[in-house]
N, C-alpha and C. Protein backbone atom coordinates (compact mmCIF):
# COMPACT_ATOMS: atom_id res chain seq x y z
N MET A 1 0.83 -1.19 0.00
CA MET A 1 0.00 0.00 0.00
C MET A 1 0.87 1.25 0.00
N LYS A 2 0.43 2.22 -0.74
CA LYS A 2 1.12 3.50 -0.78
C LYS A 2 0.61 4.37 0.35
N ALA A 3 1.47 5.25 0.82
CA ALA A 3 1.07 6.17 1.88
C ALA A 3 1.34 7.60 1.42
N ALA A 4 0.44 8.47 1.78
CA ALA A 4 0.63 9.88 1.49
C ALA A 4 1.21 10.55 2.73
N LYS A 5 1.93 11.63 2.51
CA LYS A 5 2.51 12.39 3.61
C LYS A 5 2.20 13.86 3.41
N VAL A 6 1.80 14.53 4.49
CA VAL A 6 1.52 15.96 4.45
C VAL A 6 2.69 16.68 5.11
N ASP A 7 3.30 17.60 4.39
CA ASP A 7 4.38 18.42 4.94
C ASP A 7 3.76 19.46 5.86
N GLN A 8 3.98 19.32 7.14
CA GLN A 8 3.36 20.20 8.12
C GLN A 8 3.85 21.64 8.01
N ASP A 9 5.03 21.84 7.48
CA ASP A 9 5.56 23.19 7.31
C ASP A 9 4.90 23.92 6.14
N LEU A 10 4.38 23.18 5.17
CA LEU A 10 3.74 23.78 4.01
C LEU A 10 2.23 23.89 4.13
N CYS A 11 1.61 22.97 4.86
CA CYS A 11 0.15 22.90 4.94
C CYS A 11 -0.42 24.19 5.52
N ILE A 12 -1.46 24.72 4.88
CA ILE A 12 -2.12 25.94 5.35
C ILE A 12 -3.45 25.63 6.02
N GLY A 13 -3.80 24.37 6.13
CA GLY A 13 -5.01 23.96 6.84
C GLY A 13 -6.31 24.28 6.12
N CYS A 14 -6.29 24.25 4.81
CA CYS A 14 -7.51 24.58 4.06
C CYS A 14 -8.55 23.46 4.13
N GLY A 15 -8.11 22.23 4.39
CA GLY A 15 -9.04 21.11 4.53
C GLY A 15 -9.52 20.49 3.24
N LEU A 16 -9.01 20.94 2.12
CA LEU A 16 -9.44 20.40 0.83
C LEU A 16 -9.20 18.90 0.74
N CYS A 17 -8.04 18.45 1.18
CA CYS A 17 -7.72 17.02 1.11
C CYS A 17 -8.69 16.19 1.94
N CYS A 18 -9.08 16.71 3.10
CA CYS A 18 -10.04 16.00 3.96
C CYS A 18 -11.40 15.89 3.27
N GLY A 19 -11.78 16.92 2.57
CA GLY A 19 -13.04 16.89 1.84
C GLY A 19 -13.01 15.91 0.67
N ILE A 20 -11.85 15.74 0.08
CA ILE A 20 -11.71 14.84 -1.06
C ILE A 20 -11.59 13.38 -0.59
N CYS A 21 -10.84 13.14 0.47
CA CYS A 21 -10.59 11.77 0.91
C CYS A 21 -10.44 11.71 2.43
N ASP A 22 -11.57 11.72 3.12
CA ASP A 22 -11.53 11.70 4.59
C ASP A 22 -11.17 10.33 5.17
N LYS A 23 -11.05 9.33 4.32
CA LYS A 23 -10.60 8.02 4.80
C LYS A 23 -9.08 7.97 4.98
N VAL A 24 -8.38 8.99 4.47
CA VAL A 24 -6.93 9.06 4.59
C VAL A 24 -6.48 10.33 5.32
N PHE A 25 -7.16 11.45 5.07
CA PHE A 25 -6.74 12.73 5.63
C PHE A 25 -7.71 13.23 6.71
N ARG A 26 -7.15 13.91 7.71
CA ARG A 26 -7.95 14.57 8.74
C ARG A 26 -7.18 15.79 9.23
N MET A 27 -7.90 16.68 9.89
CA MET A 27 -7.26 17.85 10.48
C MET A 27 -6.76 17.47 11.86
N ASN A 28 -5.57 17.94 12.22
CA ASN A 28 -5.01 17.62 13.53
C ASN A 28 -5.23 18.78 14.51
N GLU A 29 -4.75 18.64 15.71
CA GLU A 29 -4.95 19.65 16.75
C GLU A 29 -4.27 20.97 16.43
N GLN A 30 -3.28 20.95 15.56
CA GLN A 30 -2.57 22.17 15.18
C GLN A 30 -3.28 22.91 14.04
N GLY A 31 -4.37 22.33 13.54
CA GLY A 31 -5.12 22.98 12.48
C GLY A 31 -4.58 22.71 11.08
N THR A 32 -3.71 21.72 10.97
CA THR A 32 -3.20 21.33 9.65
C THR A 32 -3.65 19.91 9.36
N ALA A 33 -3.55 19.53 8.10
CA ALA A 33 -3.98 18.20 7.69
C ALA A 33 -2.89 17.18 7.97
N GLU A 34 -3.32 15.95 8.15
CA GLU A 34 -2.38 14.85 8.29
C GLU A 34 -2.97 13.62 7.62
N ALA A 35 -2.10 12.76 7.14
CA ALA A 35 -2.52 11.49 6.57
C ALA A 35 -2.47 10.49 7.72
N TYR A 36 -3.63 10.05 8.17
CA TYR A 36 -3.69 9.18 9.33
C TYR A 36 -3.89 7.71 8.96
N GLN A 37 -4.12 7.43 7.70
CA GLN A 37 -4.28 6.06 7.21
C GLN A 37 -3.55 5.93 5.87
N PRO A 38 -2.99 4.77 5.59
CA PRO A 38 -2.44 4.56 4.25
C PRO A 38 -3.57 4.44 3.24
N SER A 39 -3.27 4.68 2.00
CA SER A 39 -4.29 4.55 0.96
C SER A 39 -4.57 3.08 0.70
N THR A 40 -5.71 2.84 0.12
CA THR A 40 -6.09 1.48 -0.30
C THR A 40 -6.29 1.51 -1.81
N ASP A 41 -6.49 0.35 -2.38
CA ASP A 41 -6.76 0.30 -3.82
C ASP A 41 -8.02 1.10 -4.16
N GLU A 42 -8.99 1.09 -3.23
CA GLU A 42 -10.26 1.76 -3.49
C GLU A 42 -10.16 3.29 -3.44
N ASN A 43 -9.26 3.84 -2.61
CA ASN A 43 -9.21 5.30 -2.49
C ASN A 43 -7.94 5.93 -3.05
N GLN A 44 -7.12 5.14 -3.72
CA GLN A 44 -5.86 5.67 -4.25
C GLN A 44 -6.08 6.82 -5.24
N ASP A 45 -7.11 6.73 -6.06
CA ASP A 45 -7.40 7.82 -7.00
C ASP A 45 -7.80 9.08 -6.26
N ALA A 46 -8.56 8.94 -5.18
CA ALA A 46 -8.98 10.11 -4.39
C ALA A 46 -7.78 10.75 -3.70
N VAL A 47 -6.85 9.94 -3.22
CA VAL A 47 -5.63 10.48 -2.62
C VAL A 47 -4.83 11.25 -3.67
N GLN A 48 -4.73 10.70 -4.87
CA GLN A 48 -4.01 11.41 -5.93
C GLN A 48 -4.72 12.72 -6.27
N GLU A 49 -6.04 12.72 -6.26
CA GLU A 49 -6.79 13.96 -6.50
C GLU A 49 -6.48 14.99 -5.41
N ALA A 50 -6.39 14.53 -4.16
CA ALA A 50 -6.04 15.44 -3.06
C ALA A 50 -4.64 16.00 -3.25
N ILE A 51 -3.70 15.16 -3.66
CA ILE A 51 -2.34 15.61 -3.92
C ILE A 51 -2.34 16.66 -5.02
N ASP A 52 -3.05 16.38 -6.11
CA ASP A 52 -3.09 17.31 -7.24
C ASP A 52 -3.83 18.60 -6.91
N SER A 53 -4.77 18.55 -5.97
CA SER A 53 -5.60 19.70 -5.65
C SER A 53 -5.02 20.59 -4.55
N CYS A 54 -4.06 20.10 -3.81
CA CYS A 54 -3.50 20.88 -2.70
C CYS A 54 -2.94 22.21 -3.22
N PRO A 55 -3.44 23.33 -2.70
CA PRO A 55 -3.02 24.63 -3.24
C PRO A 55 -1.56 24.98 -2.95
N VAL A 56 -0.94 24.32 -1.99
CA VAL A 56 0.46 24.62 -1.67
C VAL A 56 1.38 23.41 -1.89
N SER A 57 0.87 22.38 -2.56
CA SER A 57 1.66 21.17 -2.87
C SER A 57 2.30 20.57 -1.62
N ALA A 58 1.52 20.47 -0.54
CA ALA A 58 2.04 19.96 0.72
C ALA A 58 1.93 18.46 0.85
N ILE A 59 1.27 17.78 -0.09
CA ILE A 59 1.05 16.35 0.01
C ILE A 59 1.83 15.62 -1.08
N VAL A 60 2.51 14.58 -0.67
CA VAL A 60 3.30 13.77 -1.60
C VAL A 60 3.09 12.29 -1.26
N TRP A 61 3.40 11.43 -2.23
CA TRP A 61 3.45 10.00 -1.95
C TRP A 61 4.74 9.72 -1.22
N GLU A 62 4.68 8.93 -0.18
CA GLU A 62 5.86 8.55 0.58
C GLU A 62 6.42 7.27 0.00
N ASP A 63 7.73 7.18 -0.12
CA ASP A 63 8.37 5.97 -0.66
C ASP A 63 8.43 4.88 0.37
């Protein structure tokens, strides 16, 4: 399974990724997004959409 990672220094807390794929992304106590679950085959496209939609390019696939 692939995992997404949110760069906490870049994230502006807009929540767009959470709206696109709440099975992987959530807002944390600091008001920024975090990937709390790895992606699955079923939501991998949604994770990629969140990566592509992030206004500050804070989300990447982790190796």
